[in-house]
PDB file of N, CA and C in Angstrom:
ATOM      1  N   MET A   1      97.344  93.597  73.582  1.00  0.00           N
ATOM      2  CA  MET A   1      98.614  92.812  74.040  1.00  0.00           C
ATOM      3  C   MET A   1      98.039  92.114  75.356  1.00  0.00           C
ATOM      4  N   HIS A   2      97.382  92.789  76.167  1.00  0.00           N
ATOM      5  CA  HIS A   2      97.074  92.094  77.609  1.00  0.00           C
ATOM      6  C   HIS A   2      95.859  91.262  77.443  1.00  0.00           C
ATOM      7  N   CYS A   3      94.973  91.555  76.479  1.00  0.00           N
ATOM      8  CA  CYS A   3      93.694  90.523  76.299  1.00  0.00           C
ATOM      9  C   CYS A   3      94.462  89.189  76.032  1.00  0.00           C
ATOM     10  N   ALA A   4      95.338  89.085  74.950  1.00  0.00           N
ATOM     11  CA  ALA A   4      95.875  87.773  74.567  1.00  0.00           C
ATOM     12  C   ALA A   4      96.487  86.993  75.823  1.00  0.00           C
ATOM     13  N   GLU A   5      97.015  87.837  76.627  1.00  0.00           N
ATOM     14  CA  GLU A   5      97.738  87.257  77.961  1.00  0.00           C
ATOM     15  C   GLU A   5      96.680  86.600  78.922  1.00  0.00           C
ATOM     16  N   THR A   6      95.575  86.991  78.790  1.00  0.00           N
ATOM     17  CA  THR A   6      94.442  86.495  79.774  1.00  0.00           C
ATOM     18  C   THR A   6      93.518  85.525  79.037  1.00  0.00           C
ATOM     19  N   ASP A   7      93.585  85.350  77.834  1.00  0.00           N
ATOM     20  CA  ASP A   7      92.536  84.456  77.229  1.00  0.00           C
ATOM     21  C   ASP A   7      92.741  82.933  77.597  1.00  0.00           C
ATOM     22  N   LYS A   8      93.950  82.426  77.612  1.00  0.00           N
ATOM     23  CA  LYS A   8      94.153  81.078  78.063  1.00  0.00           C
ATOM     24  C   LYS A   8      93.864  80.755  79.530  1.00  0.00           C
ATOM     25  N   PRO A   9      94.409  81.644  80.572  1.00  0.00           N
ATOM     26  CA  PRO A   9      94.064  81.327  81.932  1.00  0.00           C
ATOM     27  C   PRO A   9      92.586  81.559  82.106  1.00  0.00           C
ATOM     28  N   ILE A  10      91.807  82.534  81.625  1.00  0.00           N
ATOM     29  CA  ILE A  10      90.452  82.591  81.893  1.00  0.00           C
ATOM     30  C   ILE A  10      89.666  81.375  81.350  1.00  0.00           C
ATOM     31  N   ALA A  11      90.106  80.822  80.094  1.00  0.00           N
ATOM     32  CA  ALA A  11      89.513  79.662  79.511  1.00  0.00           C
ATOM     33  C   ALA A  11      89.669  78.437  80.521  1.00  0.00           C
ATOM     34  N   GLY A  12      90.859  78.578  81.145  1.00  0.00           N
ATOM     35  CA  GLY A  12      91.279  77.364  81.885  1.00  0.00           C
ATOM     36  C   GLY A  12      90.352  77.488  83.204  1.00  0.00           C
ATOM     37  N   LEU A  13      90.254  78.651  83.722  1.00  0.00           N
ATOM     38  CA  LEU A  13      89.182  78.782  84.766  1.00  0.00           C
ATOM     39  C   LEU A  13      87.934  78.228  84.541  1.00  0.00           C
ATOM     40  N   LEU A  14      87.265  78.934  83.465  1.00  0.00           N
ATOM     41  CA  LEU A  14      85.918  78.542  83.140  1.00  0.00           C
ATOM     42  C   LEU A  14      85.885  76.955  82.958  1.00  0.00           C
ATOM     43  N   LYS A  15      86.764  76.340  82.241  1.00  0.00           N
ATOM     44  CA  LYS A  15      86.735  74.925  81.978  1.00  0.00           C
ATOM     45  C   LYS A  15      86.770  74.140  83.418  1.00  0.00           C
ATOM     46  N   ASP A  16      87.601  74.601  84.287  1.00  0.00           N
ATOM     47  CA  ASP A  16      87.740  73.906  85.509  1.00  0.00           C
ATOM     48  C   ASP A  16      86.561  74.022  86.333  1.00  0.00           C
ATOM     49  N   LEU A  17      85.828  75.232  86.256  1.00  0.00           N
ATOM     50  CA  LEU A  17      84.915  75.447  87.092  1.00  0.00           C
ATOM     51  C   LEU A  17      83.684  74.404  86.462  1.00  0.00           C
ATOM     52  N   LYS A  18      83.548  74.380  85.258  1.00  0.00           N
ATOM     53  CA  LYS A  18      82.547  73.535  84.637  1.00  0.00           C
ATOM     54  C   LYS A  18      82.859  72.091  84.817  1.00  0.00           C
ATOM     55  N   ARG A  19      84.100  71.594  84.760  1.00  0.00           N
ATOM     56  CA  ARG A  19      84.389  70.226  84.985  1.00  0.00           C
ATOM     57  C   ARG A  19      84.160  69.794  86.418  1.00  0.00           C
ATOM     58  N   ARG A  20      84.438  70.718  87.482  1.00  0.00           N
ATOM     59  CA  ARG A  20      84.074  70.483  88.719  1.00  0.00           C
ATOM     60  C   ARG A  20      82.599  70.542  89.135  1.00  0.00           C
ATOM     61  N   GLY A  21      81.655  71.113  88.101  1.00  0.00           N
ATOM     62  CA  GLY A  21      80.287  71.228  88.405  1.00  0.00           C
ATOM     63  C   GLY A  21      79.952  72.550  89.302  1.00  0.00           C
ATOM     64  N   LEU A  22      80.900  73.418  89.181  1.00  0.00           N
ATOM     65  CA  LEU A  22      80.877  74.697  89.945  1.00  0.00           C
ATOM     66  C   LEU A  22      80.462  75.848  89.271  1.00  0.00           C
ATOM     67  N   LEU A  23      80.381  75.723  87.834  1.00  0.00           N
ATOM     68  CA  LEU A  23      80.079  76.996  87.038  1.00  0.00           C
ATOM     69  C   LEU A  23      78.568  77.391  87.410  1.00  0.00           C
ATOM     70  N   ASP A  24      77.792  76.647  87.498  1.00  0.00           N
ATOM     71  CA  ASP A  24      76.430  76.994  87.775  1.00  0.00           C
ATOM     72  C   ASP A  24      76.272  77.667  89.014  1.00  0.00           C
ATOM     73  N   SER A  25      77.036  77.505  90.079  1.00  0.00           N
ATOM     74  CA  SER A  25      76.810  78.216  91.249  1.00  0.00           C
ATOM     75  C   SER A  25      77.985  79.349  91.513  1.00  0.00           C
ATOM     76  N   THR A  26      78.877  79.583  90.480  1.00  0.00           N
ATOM     77  CA  THR A  26      79.915  80.639  90.544  1.00  0.00           C
ATOM     78  C   THR A  26      79.628  81.581  89.528  1.00  0.00           C
ATOM     79  N   LEU A  27      79.512  82.927  89.942  1.00  0.00           N
ATOM     80  CA  LEU A  27      79.401  83.876  88.960  1.00  0.00           C
ATOM     81  C   LEU A  27      80.835  84.466  88.556  1.00  0.00           C
ATOM     82  N   VAL A  28      81.087  84.385  87.321  1.00  0.00           N
ATOM     83  CA  VAL A  28      82.515  85.026  86.897  1.00  0.00           C
ATOM     84  C   VAL A  28      82.166  86.499  86.330  1.00  0.00           C
ATOM     85  N   VAL A  29      82.612  87.388  86.769  1.00  0.00           N
ATOM     86  CA  VAL A  29      82.561  88.781  86.162  1.00  0.00           C
ATOM     87  C   VAL A  29      83.803  89.356  85.666  1.00  0.00           C
ATOM     88  N   TRP A  30      83.891  89.699  84.284  1.00  0.00           N
ATOM     89  CA  TRP A  30      85.083  90.092  83.647  1.00  0.00           C
ATOM     90  C   TRP A  30      84.825  91.519  83.172  1.00  0.00           C
ATOM     91  N   GLY A  31      85.572  92.448  83.515  1.00  0.00           N
ATOM     92  CA  GLY A  31      85.409  93.836  83.000  1.00  0.00           C
ATOM     93  C   GLY A  31      86.518  94.672  83.666  1.00  0.00           C
ATOM     94  N   GLY A  32      86.286  96.000  83.354  1.00  0.00           N
ATOM     95  CA  GLY A  32      87.258  97.006  83.968  1.00  0.00           C
ATOM     96  C   GLY A  32      86.319  98.161  84.496  1.00  0.00           C
ATOM     97  N   GLU A  33      86.912  99.136  85.133  1.00  0.00           N
ATOM     98  CA  GLU A  33      86.206 100.280  85.409  1.00  0.00           C
ATOM     99  C   GLU A  33      85.730 101.210  84.359  1.00  0.00           C
ATOM    100  N   PHE A  34      86.142 100.998  83.155  1.00  0.00           N
ATOM    101  CA  PHE A  34      85.859 101.907  82.048  1.00  0.00           C
ATOM    102  C   PHE A  34      86.201 101.398  80.776  1.00  0.00           C
ATOM    103  N   GLY A  35      85.627 101.944  79.591  1.00  0.00           N
ATOM    104  CA  GLY A  35      86.064 101.407  78.188  1.00  0.00           C
ATOM    105  C   GLY A  35      87.268 102.417  77.807  1.00  0.00           C
ATOM    106  N   ARG A  36      87.567 102.237  76.527  1.00  0.00           N
ATOM    107  CA  ARG A  36      88.725 103.036  75.914  1.00  0.00           C
ATOM    108  C   ARG A  36      88.062 103.801  74.814  1.00  0.00           C
ATOM    109  N   MET A  37      88.402 105.038  74.696  1.00  0.00           N
ATOM    110  CA  MET A  37      87.813 105.845  73.531  1.00  0.00           C
ATOM    111  C   MET A  37      88.410 105.316  72.161  1.00  0.00           C
ATOM    112  N   PRO A  38      87.642 105.700  70.923  1.00  0.00           N
ATOM    113  CA  PRO A  38      88.336 105.246  69.882  1.00  0.00           C
ATOM    114  C   PRO A  38      89.424 106.209  69.435  1.00  0.00           C
ATOM    115  N   ILE A  39      89.555 107.414  70.123  1.00  0.00           N
ATOM    116  CA  ILE A  39      90.435 108.460  69.920  1.00  0.00           C
ATOM    117  C   ILE A  39      91.371 108.691  71.004  1.00  0.00           C
ATOM    118  N   SER A  40      92.534 109.597  70.898  1.00  0.00           N
ATOM    119  CA  SER A  40      93.280 109.933  71.888  1.00  0.00           C
ATOM    120  C   SER A  40      93.481 111.441  71.709  1.00  0.00           C
ATOM    121  N   GLN A  41      93.547 112.032  73.101  1.00  0.00           N
ATOM    122  CA  GLN A  41      93.608 113.548  72.953  1.00  0.00           C
ATOM    123  C   GLN A  41      95.187 113.746  73.107  1.00  0.00           C
ATOM    124  N   SER A  42      96.148 112.719  73.296  1.00  0.00           N
ATOM    125  CA  SER A  42      97.461 112.789  73.261  1.00  0.00           C
ATOM    126  C   SER A  42      97.937 111.594  72.557  1.00  0.00           C
ATOM    127  N   ALA A  43      99.245 111.450  72.308  1.00  0.00           N
ATOM    128  CA  ALA A  43      99.874 110.439  71.497  1.00  0.00           C
ATOM    129  C   ALA A  43     100.167 109.334  72.544  1.00  0.00           C
ATOM    130  N   ILE A  44      99.825 109.339  73.727  1.00  0.00           N
ATOM    131  CA  ILE A  44     100.162 108.281  74.791  1.00  0.00           C
ATOM    132  C   ILE A  44      99.260 107.038  74.897  1.00  0.00           C
ATOM    133  N   GLY A  45      98.155 107.240  74.343  1.00  0.00           N
ATOM    134  CA  GLY A  45      97.110 106.061  74.233  1.00  0.00           C
ATOM    135  C   GLY A  45      95.759 106.569  74.284  1.00  0.00           C
ATOM    136  N   ARG A  46      94.774 105.712  74.196  1.00  0.00           N
ATOM    137  CA  ARG A  46      93.373 106.142  74.174  1.00  0.00           C
ATOM    138  C   ARG A  46      92.867 106.413  75.494  1.00  0.00           C
ATOM    139  N   ASP A  47      91.876 107.416  75.419  1.00  0.00           N
ATOM    140  CA  ASP A  47      91.367 108.003  76.779  1.00  0.00           C
ATOM    141  C   ASP A  47      90.407 107.100  77.373  1.00  0.00           C
ATOM    142  N   HIS A  48      90.036 107.322  78.746  1.00  0.00           N
ATOM    143  CA  HIS A  48      89.001 106.510  79.271  1.00  0.00           C
ATOM    144  C   HIS A  48      87.522 106.951  78.641  1.00  0.00           C
ATOM    145  N   ASN A  49      86.810 105.865  78.510  1.00  0.00           N
ATOM    146  CA  ASN A  49      85.457 106.068  77.958  1.00  0.00           C
ATOM    147  C   ASN A  49      84.253 105.533  78.823  1.00  0.00           C
ATOM    148  N   PRO A  50      83.566 106.510  79.632  1.00  0.00           N
ATOM    149  CA  PRO A  50      82.430 105.936  80.472  1.00  0.00           C
ATOM    150  C   PRO A  50      81.294 105.648  79.851  1.00  0.00           C
ATOM    151  N   HIS A  51      81.210 105.878  78.476  1.00  0.00           N
ATOM    152  CA  HIS A  51      80.147 105.740  77.497  1.00  0.00           C
ATOM    153  C   HIS A  51      79.858 104.440  76.805  1.00  0.00           C
ATOM    154  N   GLY A  52      80.991 103.659  76.877  1.00  0.00           N
ATOM    155  CA  GLY A  52      80.873 102.439  75.963  1.00  0.00           C
ATOM    156  C   GLY A  52      82.001 101.371  76.466  1.00  0.00           C
ATOM    157  N   PHE A  53      81.593 100.441  77.089  1.00  0.00           N
ATOM    158  CA  PHE A  53      82.514  99.396  77.632  1.00  0.00           C
ATOM    159  C   PHE A  53      82.029  98.147  77.613  1.00  0.00           C
ATOM    160  N   THR A  54      82.887  97.223  77.913  1.00  0.00           N
ATOM    161  CA  THR A  54      82.553  95.737  77.842  1.00  0.00           C
ATOM    162  C   THR A  54      82.706  95.054  79.261  1.00  0.00           C
ATOM    163  N   VAL A  55      81.642  94.276  79.390  1.00  0.00           N
ATOM    164  CA  VAL A  55      81.767  93.407  80.728  1.00  0.00           C
ATOM    165  C   VAL A  55      81.140  92.023  80.161  1.00  0.00           C
ATOM    166  N   TRP A  56      81.744  91.089  80.618  1.00  0.00           N
ATOM    167  CA  TRP A  56      80.993  89.733  80.330  1.00  0.00           C
ATOM    168  C   TRP A  56      80.837  88.927  81.528  1.00  0.00           C
ATOM    169  N   LEU A  57      79.941  88.073  81.639  1.00  0.00           N
ATOM    170  CA  LEU A  57      79.557  87.313  82.832  1.00  0.00           C
ATOM    171  C   LEU A  57      79.381  85.814  82.395  1.00  0.00           C
ATOM    172  N   ALA A  58      79.858  84.908  83.124  1.00  0.00           N
ATOM    173  CA  ALA A  58      79.722  83.580  82.868  1.00  0.00           C
ATOM    174  C   ALA A  58      79.293  82.898  84.109  1.00  0.00           C
ATOM    175  N   GLY A  59      78.378  81.710  84.090  1.00  0.00           N
ATOM    176  CA  GLY A  59      77.914  80.984  85.113  1.00  0.00           C
ATOM    177  C   GLY A  59      76.845  81.609  86.021  1.00  0.00           C
ATOM    178  N   GLY A  60      76.831  81.100  87.325  1.00  0.00           N
ATOM    179  CA  GLY A  60      76.003  81.829  88.233  1.00  0.00           C
ATOM    180  C   GLY A  60      74.748  82.226  87.842  1.00  0.00           C
ATOM    181  N   GLY A  61      73.957  81.255  86.997  1.00  0.00           N
ATOM    182  CA  GLY A  61      72.620  81.635  86.787  1.00  0.00           C
ATOM    183  C   GLY A  61      72.403  82.540  85.478  1.00  0.00           C
ATOM    184  N   VAL A  62      73.566  82.861  84.675  1.00  0.00           N
ATOM    185  CA  VAL A  62      73.464  83.909  83.733  1.00  0.00           C
ATOM    186  C   VAL A  62      73.296  82.887  82.310  1.00  0.00           C
ATOM    187  N   LYS A  63      72.471  83.327  81.523  1.00  0.00           N
ATOM    188  CA  LYS A  63      72.355  82.583  80.264  1.00  0.00           C
ATOM    189  C   LYS A  63      73.520  82.906  79.225  1.00  0.00           C
ATOM    190  N   GLY A  64      74.081  81.929  78.904  1.00  0.00           N
ATOM    191  CA  GLY A  64      75.521  82.035  78.098  1.00  0.00           C
ATOM    192  C   GLY A  64      75.082  82.381  76.589  1.00  0.00           C
ATOM    193  N   GLY A  65      76.115  82.715  75.843  1.00  0.00           N
ATOM    194  CA  GLY A  65      76.070  82.797  74.371  1.00  0.00           C
ATOM    195  C   GLY A  65      75.290  84.163  74.049  1.00  0.00           C
ATOM    196  N   GLN A  66      75.202  85.152  74.888  1.00  0.00           N
ATOM    197  CA  GLN A  66      74.341  86.319  74.484  1.00  0.00           C
ATOM    198  C   GLN A  66      75.252  87.439  74.241  1.00  0.00           C
ATOM    199  N   ILE A  67      74.790  88.446  73.351  1.00  0.00           N
ATOM    200  CA  ILE A  67      75.512  89.616  73.370  1.00  0.00           C
ATOM    201  C   ILE A  67      74.323  90.651  73.499  1.00  0.00           C
ATOM    202  N   ILE A  68      74.631  91.562  74.351  1.00  0.00           N
ATOM    203  CA  ILE A  68      73.656  92.576  74.782  1.00  0.00           C
ATOM    204  C   ILE A  68      74.087  93.811  74.515  1.00  0.00           C
ATOM    205  N   GLY A  69      73.818  94.584  73.566  1.00  0.00           N
ATOM    206  CA  GLY A  69      74.293  95.990  73.432  1.00  0.00           C
ATOM    207  C   GLY A  69      75.417  95.943  72.434  1.00  0.00           C
ATOM    208  N   ALA A  70      75.584  97.216  71.959  1.00  0.00           N
ATOM    209  CA  ALA A  70      76.793  97.442  70.981  1.00  0.00           C
ATOM    210  C   ALA A  70      77.008  99.053  71.003  1.00  0.00           C
ATOM    211  N   THR A  71      78.226  99.311  70.616  1.00  0.00           N
ATOM    212  CA  THR A  71      78.508 100.761  70.674  1.00  0.00           C
ATOM    213  C   THR A  71      78.298 101.247  69.139  1.00  0.00           C
ATOM    214  N   ASP A  72      78.380 102.634  68.881  1.00  0.00           N
ATOM    215  CA  ASP A  72      78.231 103.099  67.664  1.00  0.00           C
ATOM    216  C   ASP A  72      79.532 102.794  66.730  1.00  0.00           C
ATOM    217  N   GLU A  73      79.416 103.231  65.656  1.00  0.00           N
ATOM    218  CA  GLU A  73      80.519 102.625  64.578  1.00  0.00           C
ATOM    219  C   GLU A  73      81.906 102.897  64.871  1.00  0.00           C
ATOM    220  N   LEU A  74      82.029 103.960  65.884  1.00  0.00           N
ATOM    221  CA  LEU A  74      83.409 104.479  66.251  1.00  0.00           C
ATOM    222  C   LEU A  74      83.656 103.827  67.593  1.00  0.00           C
ATOM    223  N   GLY A  75      82.793 103.235  68.252  1.00  0.00           N
ATOM    224  CA  GLY A  75      83.137 102.688  69.610  1.00  0.00           C
ATOM    225  C   GLY A  75      83.056 103.601  70.646  1.00  0.00           C
ATOM    226  N   TYR A  76      82.377 104.695  70.467  1.00  0.00           N
ATOM    227  CA  TYR A  76      82.414 105.819  71.463  1.00  0.00           C
ATOM    228  C   TYR A  76      81.106 105.730  72.412  1.00  0.00           C
ATOM    229  N   ARG A  77      80.075 105.261  71.932  1.00  0.00           N
ATOM    230  CA  ARG A  77      78.825 105.426  72.986  1.00  0.00           C
ATOM    231  C   ARG A  77      78.168 104.154  72.745  1.00  0.00           C
ATOM    232  N   ALA A  78      77.493 103.516  73.757  1.00  0.00           N
ATOM    233  CA  ALA A  78      76.557 102.583  73.606  1.00  0.00           C
ATOM    234  C   ALA A  78      75.193 103.067  72.915  1.00  0.00           C
ATOM    235  N   VAL A  79      74.768 102.208  72.005  1.00  0.00           N
ATOM    236  CA  VAL A  79      73.584 102.656  71.164  1.00  0.00           C
ATOM    237  C   VAL A  79      72.658 101.516  71.009  1.00  0.00           C
ATOM    238  N   ASP A  80      72.937 100.425  71.179  1.00  0.00           N
ATOM    239  CA  ASP A  80      72.127  99.245  70.992  1.00  0.00           C
ATOM    240  C   ASP A  80      71.797  98.655  72.411  1.00  0.00           C
ATOM    241  N   GLN A  81      70.729  98.664  72.910  1.00  0.00           N
ATOM    242  CA  GLN A  81      70.416  98.158  74.212  1.00  0.00           C
ATOM    243  C   GLN A  81      71.282  98.559  75.278  1.00  0.00           C
ATOM    244  N   PRO A  82      71.456  99.958  75.436  1.00  0.00           N
ATOM    245  CA  PRO A  82      72.478 100.366  76.506  1.00  0.00           C
ATOM    246  C   PRO A  82      71.881 100.029  78.061  1.00  0.00           C
ATOM    247  N   HIS A  83      72.790  99.806  78.799  1.00  0.00           N
ATOM    248  CA  HIS A  83      72.504  99.615  80.398  1.00  0.00           C
ATOM    249  C   HIS A  83      73.500 100.364  81.080  1.00  0.00           C
ATOM    250  N   SER A  84      72.966 100.809  82.192  1.00  0.00           N
ATOM    251  CA  SER A  84      73.796 101.648  83.218  1.00  0.00           C
ATOM    252  C   SER A  84      74.658 100.810  83.994  1.00  0.00           C
ATOM    253  N   VAL A  85      75.558 101.237  84.609  1.00  0.00           N
ATOM    254  CA  VAL A  85      76.345 100.469  85.654  1.00  0.00           C
ATOM    255  C   VAL A  85      75.401 100.100  86.635  1.00  0.00           C
ATOM    256  N   HIS A  86      74.488 100.999  86.981  1.00  0.00           N
ATOM    257  CA  HIS A  86      73.397 100.457  88.057  1.00  0.00           C
ATOM    258  C   HIS A  86      72.613  99.210  87.698  1.00  0.00           C
ATOM    259  N   ASP A  87      72.377  99.036  86.392  1.00  0.00           N
ATOM    260  CA  ASP A  87      71.613  97.950  85.859  1.00  0.00           C
ATOM    261  C   ASP A  87      72.472  96.746  86.027  1.00  0.00           C
ATOM    262  N   LEU A  88      73.995  96.774  85.752  1.00  0.00           N
ATOM    263  CA  LEU A  88      74.897  95.713  85.920  1.00  0.00           C
ATOM    264  C   LEU A  88      74.931  95.548  87.420  1.00  0.00           C
ATOM    265  N   HIS A  89      74.958  96.471  88.197  1.00  0.00           N
ATOM    266  CA  HIS A  89      75.216  96.152  89.715  1.00  0.00           C
ATOM    267  C   HIS A  89      73.851  95.484  90.157  1.00  0.00           C
ATOM    268  N   ALA A  90      72.635  95.778  89.697  1.00  0.00           N
ATOM    269  CA  ALA A  90      71.535  95.110  90.158  1.00  0.00           C
ATOM    270  C   ALA A  90      71.478  93.712  89.688  1.00  0.00           C
ATOM    271  N   THR A  91      71.914  93.371  88.672  1.00  0.00           N
ATOM    272  CA  THR A  91      71.909  92.047  87.807  1.00  0.00           C
ATOM    273  C   THR A  91      73.030  91.383  88.720  1.00  0.00           C
ATOM    274  N   LEU A  92      74.087  91.781  89.089  1.00  0.00           N
ATOM    275  CA  LEU A  92      74.983  90.921  89.797  1.00  0.00           C
ATOM    276  C   LEU A  92      74.386  90.673  91.182  1.00  0.00           C
ATOM    277  N   LEU A  93      73.827  91.576  91.842  1.00  0.00           N
ATOM    278  CA  LEU A  93      73.197  91.273  93.189  1.00  0.00           C
ATOM    279  C   LEU A  93      72.076  90.470  92.831  1.00  0.00           C
ATOM    280  N   HIS A  94      71.222  90.382  91.824  1.00  0.00           N
ATOM    281  CA  HIS A  94      70.055  89.395  91.676  1.00  0.00           C
ATOM    282  C   HIS A  94      70.810  87.937  91.626  1.00  0.00           C
ATOM    283  N   CYS A  95      71.991  87.936  90.723  1.00  0.00           N
ATOM    284  CA  CYS A  95      72.574  86.641  90.604  1.00  0.00           C
ATOM    285  C   CYS A  95      73.024  86.120  92.037  1.00  0.00           C
ATOM    286  N   LEU A  96      73.350  86.934  92.874  1.00  0.00           N
ATOM    287  CA  LEU A  96      73.712  86.568  94.340  1.00  0.00           C
ATOM    288  C   LEU A  96      72.803  86.337  95.248  1.00  0.00           C
ATOM    289  N   GLY A  97      71.428  86.356  94.586  1.00  0.00           N
ATOM    290  CA  GLY A  97      70.358  86.076  95.438  1.00  0.00           C
ATOM    291  C   GLY A  97      69.894  87.395  96.276  1.00  0.00           C
ATOM    292  N   LEU A  98      70.287  88.488  95.851  1.00  0.00           N
ATOM    293  CA  LEU A  98      70.017  89.826  96.630  1.00  0.00           C
ATOM    294  C   LEU A  98      69.157  90.731  95.833  1.00  0.00           C
ATOM    295  N   ASP A  99      67.965  91.223  96.570  1.00  0.00           N
ATOM    296  CA  ASP A  99      67.294  92.287  95.786  1.00  0.00           C
ATOM    297  C   ASP A  99      67.767  93.586  96.067  1.00  0.00           C
ATOM    298  N   HIS A 100      68.470  94.268  95.094  1.00  0.00           N
ATOM    299  CA  HIS A 100      69.047  95.559  95.345  1.00  0.00           C
ATOM    300  C   HIS A 100      68.055  96.661  95.879  1.00  0.00           C
ATOM    301  N   ARG A 101      66.853  96.557  95.802  1.00  0.00           N
ATOM    302  CA  ARG A 101      65.911  97.453  96.320  1.00  0.00           C
ATOM    303  C   ARG A 101      65.721  97.274  97.817  1.00  0.00           C
ATOM    304  N   LYS A 102      66.140  96.159  98.269  1.00  0.00           N
ATOM    305  CA  LYS A 102      65.966  95.913  99.730  1.00  0.00           C
ATOM    306  C   LYS A 102      67.278  96.142 100.558  1.00  0.00           C
ATOM    307  N   LEU A 103      68.356  96.689  99.785  1.00  0.00           N
ATOM    308  CA  LEU A 103      69.509  97.074 100.314  1.00  0.00           C
ATOM    309  C   LEU A 103      69.710  98.570 100.723  1.00  0.00           C
ATOM    310  N   THR A 104      68.504  99.138 101.014  1.00  0.00           N
ATOM    311  CA  THR A 104      68.350 100.549 101.135  1.00  0.00           C
ATOM    312  C   THR A 104      68.751 100.839 102.568  1.00  0.00           C
ATOM    313  N   TYR A 105      69.479 101.919 102.873  1.00  0.00           N
ATOM    314  CA  TYR A 105      69.726 102.463 104.314  1.00  0.00           C
ATOM    315  C   TYR A 105      69.703 103.988 104.131  1.00  0.00           C
ATOM    316  N   TYR A 106      69.337 104.502 105.410  1.00  0.00           N
ATOM    317  CA  TYR A 106      69.195 106.066 105.544  1.00  0.00           C
ATOM    318  C   TYR A 106      70.387 106.628 105.933  1.00  0.00           C
ATOM    319  N   TYR A 107      71.080 107.490 105.151  1.00  0.00           N
ATOM    320  CA  TYR A 107      72.324 108.210 105.557  1.00  0.00           C
ATOM    321  C   TYR A 107      72.377 109.541 104.881  1.00  0.00           C
ATOM    322  N   GLY A 108      72.877 110.490 105.553  1.00  0.00           N
ATOM    323  CA  GLY A 108      73.071 111.889 104.994  1.00  0.00           C
ATOM    324  C   GLY A 108      71.538 112.505 104.679  1.00  0.00           C
ATOM    325  N   GLY A 109      70.620 112.051 105.388  1.00  0.00           N
ATOM    326  CA  GLY A 109      69.243 112.653 105.035  1.00  0.00           C
ATOM    327  C   GLY A 109      68.489 112.115 103.969  1.00  0.00           C
ATOM    328  N   ARG A 110      68.959 110.982 103.372  1.00  0.00           N
ATOM    329  CA  ARG A 110      68.320 110.326 102.084  1.00  0.00           C
ATOM    330  C   ARG A 110      68.520 108.933 102.122  1.00  0.00           C
ATOM    331  N   ASP A 111      67.692 108.190 101.433  1.00  0.00           N
ATOM    332  CA  ASP A 111      68.082 106.836 101.337  1.00  0.00           C
ATOM    333  C   ASP A 111      69.023 106.517 100.294  1.00  0.00           C
ATOM    334  N   GLN A 112      69.954 105.585 100.616  1.00  0.00           N
ATOM    335  CA  GLN A 112      71.106 105.204  99.829  1.00  0.00           C
ATOM    336  C   GLN A 112      71.117 103.720  99.557  1.00  0.00           C
ATOM    337  N   ARG A 113      71.812 103.246  98.355  1.00  0.00           N
ATOM    338  CA  ARG A 113      71.849 101.923  98.138  1.00  0.00           C
ATOM    339  C   ARG A 113      72.938 101.655  97.053  1.00  0.00           C
ATOM    340  N   LEU A 114      73.321 100.480  97.043  1.00  0.00           N
ATOM    341  CA  LEU A 114      74.627 100.218  96.139  1.00  0.00           C
ATOM    342  C   LEU A 114      74.226 100.555  94.754  1.00  0.00           C
ATOM    343  N   THR A 115      73.070 100.561  94.230  1.00  0.00           N
ATOM    344  CA  THR A 115      72.508 100.849  92.918  1.00  0.00           C
ATOM    345  C   THR A 115      72.120 102.394  92.760  1.00  0.00           C
ATOM    346  N   ASN A 116      72.504 103.048  93.711  1.00  0.00           N
ATOM    347  CA  ASN A 116      72.109 104.530  93.762  1.00  0.00           C
ATOM    348  C   ASN A 116      70.654 104.892  93.430  1.00  0.00           C
ATOM    349  N   LEU A 117      69.737 104.224  94.001  1.00  0.00           N
ATOM    350  CA  LEU A 117      68.181 104.306  93.824  1.00  0.00           C
ATOM    351  C   LEU A 117      68.008 104.166  92.451  1.00  0.00           C
ATOM    352  N   GLY A 118      68.738 103.462  91.631  1.00  0.00           N
ATOM    353  CA  GLY A 118      68.341 103.374  90.331  1.00  0.00           C
ATOM    354  C   GLY A 118      68.715 101.781  89.965  1.00  0.00           C
ATOM    355  N   GLY A 119      68.593 101.361  88.802  1.00  0.00           N
ATOM    356  CA  GLY A 119      68.954 100.180  88.118  1.00  0.00           C
ATOM    357  C   GLY A 119      67.940  99.133  88.245  1.00  0.00           C
ATOM    358  N   ASP A 120      67.995  98.367  87.374  1.00  0.00           N
ATOM    359  CA  ASP A 120      67.053  97.195  87.081  1.00  0.00           C
ATOM    360  C   ASP A 120      67.816  96.010  86.590  1.00  0.00           C
ATOM    361  N   PRO A 121      67.608  94.787  87.196  1.00  0.00           N
ATOM    362  CA  PRO A 121      68.315  93.607  86.650  1.00  0.00           C
ATOM    363  C   PRO A 121      68.200  93.381  85.131  1.00  0.00           C
ATOM    364  N   ILE A 122      69.119  93.114  84.344  1.00  0.00           N
ATOM    365  CA  ILE A 122      69.119  92.975  83.005  1.00  0.00           C
ATOM    366  C   ILE A 122      68.579  91.619  82.721  1.00  0.00           C
ATOM    367  N   LEU A 123      67.255  91.407  82.580  1.00  0.00           N
ATOM    368  CA  LEU A 123      66.610  90.292  82.512  1.00  0.00           C
ATOM    369  C   LEU A 123      66.872  89.204  81.445  1.00  0.00           C
ATOM    370  N   LYS A 124      67.341  89.977  80.256  1.00  0.00           N
ATOM    371  CA  LYS A 124      67.788  89.014  79.196  1.00  0.00           C
ATOM    372  C   LYS A 124      69.020  88.126  79.531  1.00  0.00           C
ATOM    373  N   LEU A 125      69.698  88.479  80.593  1.00  0.00           N
ATOM    374  CA  LEU A 125      70.843  87.600  81.044  1.00  0.00           C
ATOM    375  C   LEU A 125      70.475  86.510  82.026  1.00  0.00           C
ATOM    376  N   LEU A 126      69.242  86.498  82.451  1.00  0.00           N
ATOM    377  CA  LEU A 126      68.794  85.748  83.597  1.00  0.00           C
ATOM    378  C   LEU A 126      67.905  84.535  83.145  1.00  0.00           C
TER     379      LEU A 126
END
């Protein structure tokens, strides 16, 4: 229901950015904080799923028209070209011109960074 409500506005945003020549320099990230399970433990709706979720990117130096990864036949877990959230964050920072490995700071007795000392940019997107 809600996906249908957003299709037209997001298409309008992407068309407008492209028409104005801004899509190449604007990174559009569309996703949520988790996916949805193919099942429910209650009758209220599907449960949160941290093992398989969708994010799409447009503009900002990302190659368009690609599908990277897929879930199993039930939609429970990423099985084809799985990537971590840290990989996604490293990719987004790369698109913004930042090297996630150089954003390290010392806190609490160890090095910290936005990608949790892991993650690599998803090169197929770039």
